[in-house]
Amino acid sequence: MAIKKSVLKSGGGKRTDMVKSGGKMAKTVKAQKKRELAIDYPKAGEAVWGGHYAARISAPASAVVEARVDEGAWTLCRSEAGHWWLDMSGLADGEHELAARLISNGDSATALRRFKVAH
């Protein structure tokens, strides 16, 4: 019978369980829990520059992520450096709303974020 000894987080985002089985310690690795959709930047209410800004979105790498600003057209985000990115430019001063959605295995989720633009 295996007895759970400890739980460690590895640098790769995987969970490593140390178990004792037959008098020996052994490792079992489980995939990290699926990350949910989240808009990392801009922060809520943050004022960003209107010339060019790249919004950062966290979502599973296996998903399709799209985003839009102020009810505009949905745009496919680019995946780079472990995050999803939407390049924004030419936004007018004032308040705006960023919407991000992910589509994965037939499921979808949406996140909203209000932010400001100041030149």
N, C-alpha and C. Protein backbone atom coordinates (compact mmCIF):
# COMPACT_ATOMS: atom_id res chain seq x y z
N MET A 1 0.84 -1.18 0.00
CA MET A 1 0.00 0.00 0.00
C MET A 1 0.89 1.24 0.00
N ALA A 2 0.61 2.19 -0.88
CA ALA A 2 1.38 3.43 -0.98
C ALA A 2 0.88 4.43 0.05
N ILE A 3 1.81 5.12 0.68
CA ILE A 3 1.48 6.14 1.67
C ILE A 3 2.04 7.46 1.16
N LYS A 4 1.18 8.47 1.04
CA LYS A 4 1.61 9.78 0.56
C LYS A 4 2.51 10.42 1.61
N LYS A 5 3.69 10.83 1.19
CA LYS A 5 4.65 11.41 2.13
C LYS A 5 4.68 12.93 2.06
N SER A 6 4.79 13.50 0.83
CA SER A 6 4.86 14.96 0.72
C SER A 6 4.52 15.38 -0.69
N VAL A 7 4.25 16.67 -0.84
CA VAL A 7 3.93 17.24 -2.15
C VAL A 7 4.92 18.36 -2.41
N LEU A 8 5.56 18.32 -3.58
CA LEU A 8 6.53 19.33 -3.98
C LEU A 8 6.09 19.96 -5.28
N LYS A 9 6.39 21.21 -5.49
CA LYS A 9 6.14 21.88 -6.76
C LYS A 9 7.47 21.98 -7.49
N SER A 10 7.49 21.49 -8.72
CA SER A 10 8.71 21.60 -9.51
C SER A 10 8.71 22.90 -10.28
N GLY A 11 9.86 23.31 -10.79
CA GLY A 11 9.97 24.54 -11.56
C GLY A 11 9.16 24.52 -12.84
N GLY A 12 8.83 23.32 -13.35
CA GLY A 12 8.09 23.21 -14.59
C GLY A 12 6.59 23.30 -14.41
N GLY A 13 6.12 23.60 -13.22
CA GLY A 13 4.68 23.74 -13.00
C GLY A 13 3.98 22.42 -12.77
N LYS A 14 4.72 21.35 -12.55
CA LYS A 14 4.11 20.06 -12.30
C LYS A 14 4.15 19.76 -10.81
N ARG A 15 3.19 18.98 -10.39
CA ARG A 15 3.12 18.60 -9.00
C ARG A 15 3.79 17.24 -8.84
N THR A 16 4.71 17.13 -7.93
CA THR A 16 5.40 15.88 -7.68
C THR A 16 4.99 15.37 -6.31
N ASP A 17 4.40 14.19 -6.28
CA ASP A 17 4.04 13.55 -5.02
C ASP A 17 5.12 12.54 -4.67
N MET A 18 5.60 12.60 -3.45
CA MET A 18 6.54 11.60 -2.96
C MET A 18 5.72 10.57 -2.20
N VAL A 19 5.83 9.32 -2.60
CA VAL A 19 5.08 8.28 -1.92
C VAL A 19 6.03 7.20 -1.42
N LYS A 20 5.61 6.53 -0.36
CA LYS A 20 6.39 5.43 0.16
C LYS A 20 5.66 4.15 -0.21
N SER A 21 6.34 3.30 -0.95
CA SER A 21 5.73 2.07 -1.42
C SER A 21 6.74 0.94 -1.25
N GLY A 22 6.40 -0.06 -0.52
CA GLY A 22 7.31 -1.19 -0.32
C GLY A 22 8.59 -0.80 0.37
N GLY A 23 8.55 0.21 1.24
CA GLY A 23 9.73 0.64 1.98
C GLY A 23 10.63 1.59 1.21
N LYS A 24 10.30 1.94 -0.05
CA LYS A 24 11.11 2.85 -0.86
C LYS A 24 10.32 4.10 -1.20
N MET A 25 11.04 5.22 -1.32
CA MET A 25 10.40 6.47 -1.74
C MET A 25 10.37 6.50 -3.27
N ALA A 26 9.25 6.91 -3.82
CA ALA A 26 9.12 7.01 -5.27
C ALA A 26 8.38 8.29 -5.61
N LYS A 27 8.63 8.81 -6.81
CA LYS A 27 7.97 10.03 -7.26
C LYS A 27 6.85 9.68 -8.23
N THR A 28 5.75 10.39 -8.11
CA THR A 28 4.69 10.34 -9.12
C THR A 28 4.45 11.77 -9.53
N VAL A 29 4.33 12.02 -10.82
CA VAL A 29 4.15 13.38 -11.32
C VAL A 29 2.77 13.50 -11.92
N LYS A 30 2.05 14.53 -11.50
CA LYS A 30 0.72 14.80 -12.02
C LYS A 30 0.76 16.13 -12.75
N ALA A 31 0.01 16.24 -13.83
CA ALA A 31 -0.05 17.49 -14.58
C ALA A 31 -0.66 18.58 -13.71
N GLN A 32 -0.17 19.78 -13.88
CA GLN A 32 -0.71 20.92 -13.15
C GLN A 32 -2.17 21.10 -13.50
N LYS A 33 -2.98 21.49 -12.54
CA LYS A 33 -4.39 21.74 -12.77
C LYS A 33 -4.54 22.76 -13.89
N LYS A 34 -5.49 22.51 -14.77
CA LYS A 34 -5.72 23.39 -15.92
C LYS A 34 -5.94 24.83 -15.45
N ARG A 35 -5.15 25.74 -16.04
CA ARG A 35 -5.31 27.15 -15.68
C ARG A 35 -6.58 27.69 -16.28
N GLU A 36 -7.23 28.53 -15.56
CA GLU A 36 -8.42 29.20 -16.05
C GLU A 36 -8.02 30.43 -16.84
N LEU A 37 -8.96 31.00 -17.53
CA LEU A 37 -8.76 32.22 -18.29
C LEU A 37 -8.66 33.41 -17.34
N ALA A 38 -7.67 34.26 -17.56
CA ALA A 38 -7.51 35.47 -16.74
C ALA A 38 -6.83 36.55 -17.56
N ILE A 39 -7.29 37.80 -17.40
CA ILE A 39 -6.61 38.94 -18.00
C ILE A 39 -5.63 39.45 -16.95
N ASP A 40 -4.34 39.33 -17.26
CA ASP A 40 -3.29 39.74 -16.31
C ASP A 40 -3.04 41.24 -16.37
N TYR A 41 -2.91 41.76 -17.60
CA TYR A 41 -2.64 43.18 -17.82
C TYR A 41 -3.42 43.64 -19.03
N PRO A 42 -4.00 44.80 -19.00
CA PRO A 42 -3.89 45.81 -17.95
C PRO A 42 -4.67 45.40 -16.70
N LYS A 43 -4.23 45.92 -15.58
CA LYS A 43 -4.93 45.70 -14.32
C LYS A 43 -6.24 46.48 -14.33
N ALA A 44 -7.17 46.09 -13.48
CA ALA A 44 -8.47 46.76 -13.40
C ALA A 44 -8.27 48.24 -13.09
N GLY A 45 -8.83 49.11 -13.93
CA GLY A 45 -8.75 50.55 -13.72
C GLY A 45 -7.41 51.17 -14.08
N GLU A 46 -6.45 50.38 -14.50
CA GLU A 46 -5.12 50.90 -14.83
C GLU A 46 -5.19 51.84 -16.03
N ALA A 47 -4.38 52.89 -16.02
CA ALA A 47 -4.27 53.81 -17.15
C ALA A 47 -3.07 53.38 -17.99
N VAL A 48 -3.32 53.09 -19.27
CA VAL A 48 -2.26 52.66 -20.17
C VAL A 48 -2.09 53.68 -21.28
N TRP A 49 -0.96 53.62 -21.96
CA TRP A 49 -0.68 54.52 -23.07
C TRP A 49 -1.45 54.07 -24.29
N GLY A 50 -2.04 55.00 -25.03
CA GLY A 50 -2.88 54.67 -26.17
C GLY A 50 -2.15 54.39 -27.46
N GLY A 51 -0.86 54.68 -27.54
CA GLY A 51 -0.11 54.45 -28.77
C GLY A 51 -0.03 52.98 -29.12
N HIS A 52 0.55 52.17 -28.26
CA HIS A 52 0.60 50.72 -28.41
C HIS A 52 0.67 50.10 -27.03
N TYR A 53 -0.13 49.06 -26.83
CA TYR A 53 -0.12 48.34 -25.57
C TYR A 53 -0.45 46.89 -25.88
N ALA A 54 0.27 45.96 -25.27
CA ALA A 54 0.01 44.54 -25.43
C ALA A 54 -0.65 44.01 -24.17
N ALA A 55 -1.90 43.63 -24.27
CA ALA A 55 -2.62 43.04 -23.14
C ALA A 55 -2.14 41.60 -22.97
N ARG A 56 -1.94 41.17 -21.71
CA ARG A 56 -1.48 39.81 -21.42
C ARG A 56 -2.61 39.01 -20.82
N ILE A 57 -2.83 37.83 -21.37
CA ILE A 57 -3.91 36.96 -20.96
C ILE A 57 -3.33 35.60 -20.61
N SER A 58 -3.76 35.03 -19.49
CA SER A 58 -3.35 33.68 -19.10
C SER A 58 -4.46 32.71 -19.46
N ALA A 59 -4.08 31.63 -20.12
CA ALA A 59 -5.02 30.58 -20.51
C ALA A 59 -4.21 29.34 -20.87
N PRO A 60 -4.84 28.19 -20.88
CA PRO A 60 -4.11 26.97 -21.26
C PRO A 60 -3.52 27.09 -22.66
N ALA A 61 -2.34 26.52 -22.84
CA ALA A 61 -1.66 26.59 -24.14
C ALA A 61 -2.44 25.86 -25.22
N SER A 62 -3.24 24.88 -24.84
CA SER A 62 -3.99 24.10 -25.83
C SER A 62 -5.27 24.77 -26.29
N ALA A 63 -5.60 25.92 -25.73
CA ALA A 63 -6.84 26.62 -26.06
C ALA A 63 -6.65 27.56 -27.23
N VAL A 64 -7.76 28.04 -27.76
CA VAL A 64 -7.77 29.13 -28.73
C VAL A 64 -8.25 30.35 -27.94
N VAL A 65 -7.48 31.45 -28.00
CA VAL A 65 -7.83 32.64 -27.24
C VAL A 65 -8.07 33.80 -28.20
N GLU A 66 -9.20 34.47 -28.02
CA GLU A 66 -9.55 35.66 -28.80
C GLU A 66 -9.87 36.78 -27.82
N ALA A 67 -9.72 38.02 -28.29
CA ALA A 67 -10.02 39.17 -27.44
C ALA A 67 -10.57 40.30 -28.30
N ARG A 68 -11.23 41.23 -27.63
CA ARG A 68 -11.74 42.42 -28.32
C ARG A 68 -11.81 43.58 -27.33
N VAL A 69 -11.82 44.79 -27.88
CA VAL A 69 -11.93 46.00 -27.07
C VAL A 69 -13.23 46.69 -27.45
N ASP A 70 -14.03 47.05 -26.44
CA ASP A 70 -15.25 47.84 -26.63
C ASP A 70 -16.18 47.30 -27.71
N GLU A 71 -16.55 46.05 -27.62
CA GLU A 71 -17.51 45.45 -28.56
C GLU A 71 -17.00 45.41 -30.00
N GLY A 72 -15.69 45.55 -30.19
CA GLY A 72 -15.11 45.45 -31.53
C GLY A 72 -15.10 43.99 -31.99
N ALA A 73 -14.46 43.74 -33.10
CA ALA A 73 -14.38 42.39 -33.65
C ALA A 73 -13.45 41.52 -32.79
N TRP A 74 -13.78 40.25 -32.64
CA TRP A 74 -12.93 39.31 -31.92
C TRP A 74 -11.67 39.09 -32.76
N THR A 75 -10.52 39.16 -32.11
CA THR A 75 -9.23 38.99 -32.76
C THR A 75 -8.48 37.84 -32.12
N LEU A 76 -7.90 36.97 -32.94
CA LEU A 76 -7.10 35.86 -32.42
C LEU A 76 -5.86 36.41 -31.73
N CYS A 77 -5.62 35.98 -30.51
CA CYS A 77 -4.44 36.42 -29.76
C CYS A 77 -3.23 35.56 -30.14
N ARG A 78 -2.04 36.12 -29.95
CA ARG A 78 -0.82 35.38 -30.24
C ARG A 78 -0.31 34.75 -28.95
N SER A 79 0.24 33.57 -29.08
CA SER A 79 0.80 32.85 -27.94
C SER A 79 2.31 33.00 -27.96
N GLU A 80 2.84 33.50 -26.84
CA GLU A 80 4.28 33.71 -26.74
C GLU A 80 4.67 33.78 -25.27
N ALA A 81 5.80 33.18 -24.93
CA ALA A 81 6.37 33.24 -23.58
C ALA A 81 5.39 32.75 -22.51
N GLY A 82 4.59 31.74 -22.84
CA GLY A 82 3.68 31.14 -21.85
C GLY A 82 2.40 31.90 -21.60
N HIS A 83 2.13 32.95 -22.39
CA HIS A 83 0.91 33.73 -22.23
C HIS A 83 0.32 34.01 -23.60
N TRP A 84 -0.87 34.57 -23.60
CA TRP A 84 -1.54 35.03 -24.81
C TRP A 84 -1.50 36.55 -24.82
N TRP A 85 -1.37 37.16 -26.01
CA TRP A 85 -1.19 38.60 -26.12
C TRP A 85 -2.14 39.18 -27.16
N LEU A 86 -2.68 40.36 -26.86
CA LEU A 86 -3.47 41.13 -27.82
C LEU A 86 -2.80 42.49 -27.94
N ASP A 87 -2.35 42.83 -29.15
CA ASP A 87 -1.74 44.14 -29.40
C ASP A 87 -2.85 45.14 -29.66
N MET A 88 -2.83 46.23 -28.90
CA MET A 88 -3.83 47.29 -29.04
C MET A 88 -3.12 48.58 -29.40
N SER A 89 -3.72 49.37 -30.28
CA SER A 89 -3.14 50.67 -30.61
C SER A 89 -4.24 51.60 -31.10
N GLY A 90 -3.97 52.90 -30.98
CA GLY A 90 -4.91 53.90 -31.47
C GLY A 90 -6.18 54.04 -30.66
N LEU A 91 -6.18 53.63 -29.41
CA LEU A 91 -7.38 53.77 -28.57
C LEU A 91 -7.50 55.21 -28.08
N ALA A 92 -8.70 55.72 -28.06
CA ALA A 92 -8.97 57.07 -27.60
C ALA A 92 -8.83 57.16 -26.08
N ASP A 93 -8.53 58.36 -25.59
CA ASP A 93 -8.48 58.58 -24.14
C ASP A 93 -9.82 58.21 -23.53
N GLY A 94 -9.78 57.73 -22.29
CA GLY A 94 -10.99 57.40 -21.58
C GLY A 94 -11.06 55.93 -21.19
N GLU A 95 -12.25 55.51 -20.74
CA GLU A 95 -12.44 54.14 -20.28
C GLU A 95 -12.76 53.20 -21.43
N HIS A 96 -12.25 51.97 -21.30
CA HIS A 96 -12.47 50.94 -22.30
C HIS A 96 -12.69 49.62 -21.58
N GLU A 97 -13.23 48.64 -22.33
CA GLU A 97 -13.42 47.30 -21.77
C GLU A 97 -12.75 46.28 -22.69
N LEU A 98 -11.91 45.46 -22.09
CA LEU A 98 -11.24 44.37 -22.79
C LEU A 98 -11.99 43.09 -22.45
N ALA A 99 -12.35 42.33 -23.47
CA ALA A 99 -12.99 41.03 -23.27
C ALA A 99 -12.08 39.97 -23.89
N ALA A 100 -11.86 38.89 -23.17
CA ALA A 100 -11.06 37.77 -23.66
C ALA A 100 -11.90 36.51 -23.54
N ARG A 101 -11.77 35.63 -24.53
CA ARG A 101 -12.48 34.36 -24.45
C ARG A 101 -11.57 33.24 -24.90
N LEU A 102 -11.77 32.07 -24.31
CA LEU A 102 -11.02 30.91 -24.74
C LEU A 102 -11.98 29.84 -25.17
N ILE A 103 -11.54 29.06 -26.12
CA ILE A 103 -12.32 27.94 -26.61
C ILE A 103 -11.40 26.73 -26.55
N SER A 104 -11.82 25.71 -25.80
CA SER A 104 -11.00 24.52 -25.61
C SER A 104 -11.90 23.31 -25.48
N ASN A 105 -11.73 22.36 -26.37
CA ASN A 105 -12.51 21.11 -26.34
C ASN A 105 -14.01 21.36 -26.27
N GLY A 106 -14.49 22.34 -27.02
CA GLY A 106 -15.91 22.63 -27.06
C GLY A 106 -16.41 23.50 -25.92
N ASP A 107 -15.59 23.73 -24.90
CA ASP A 107 -15.97 24.60 -23.78
C ASP A 107 -15.47 26.01 -24.07
N SER A 108 -16.13 26.99 -23.46
CA SER A 108 -15.66 28.36 -23.61
C SER A 108 -15.79 29.10 -22.29
N ALA A 109 -14.99 30.15 -22.15
CA ALA A 109 -15.02 31.00 -20.97
C ALA A 109 -14.70 32.41 -21.42
N THR A 110 -15.21 33.40 -20.69
CA THR A 110 -14.97 34.79 -21.03
C THR A 110 -14.53 35.56 -19.78
N ALA A 111 -13.60 36.48 -19.95
CA ALA A 111 -13.14 37.36 -18.87
C ALA A 111 -13.25 38.80 -19.36
N LEU A 112 -13.61 39.71 -18.46
CA LEU A 112 -13.76 41.13 -18.79
C LEU A 112 -12.85 41.96 -17.90
N ARG A 113 -12.36 43.08 -18.45
CA ARG A 113 -11.50 43.98 -17.68
C ARG A 113 -11.72 45.40 -18.16
N ARG A 114 -12.02 46.32 -17.24
CA ARG A 114 -12.14 47.74 -17.56
C ARG A 114 -10.81 48.41 -17.27
N PHE A 115 -10.39 49.28 -18.19
CA PHE A 115 -9.13 50.00 -18.04
C PHE A 115 -9.27 51.37 -18.68
N LYS A 116 -8.28 52.22 -18.49
CA LYS A 116 -8.30 53.57 -19.03
C LYS A 116 -7.14 53.78 -19.98
N VAL A 117 -7.32 54.69 -20.93
CA VAL A 117 -6.25 55.09 -21.83
C VAL A 117 -5.98 56.56 -21.59
N ALA A 118 -4.70 56.89 -21.46
CA ALA A 118 -4.27 58.29 -21.30
C ALA A 118 -3.05 58.49 -22.19
N HIS A 119 -3.08 59.53 -23.01
CA HIS A 119 -1.95 59.82 -23.90
C HIS A 119 -0.95 60.70 -23.21
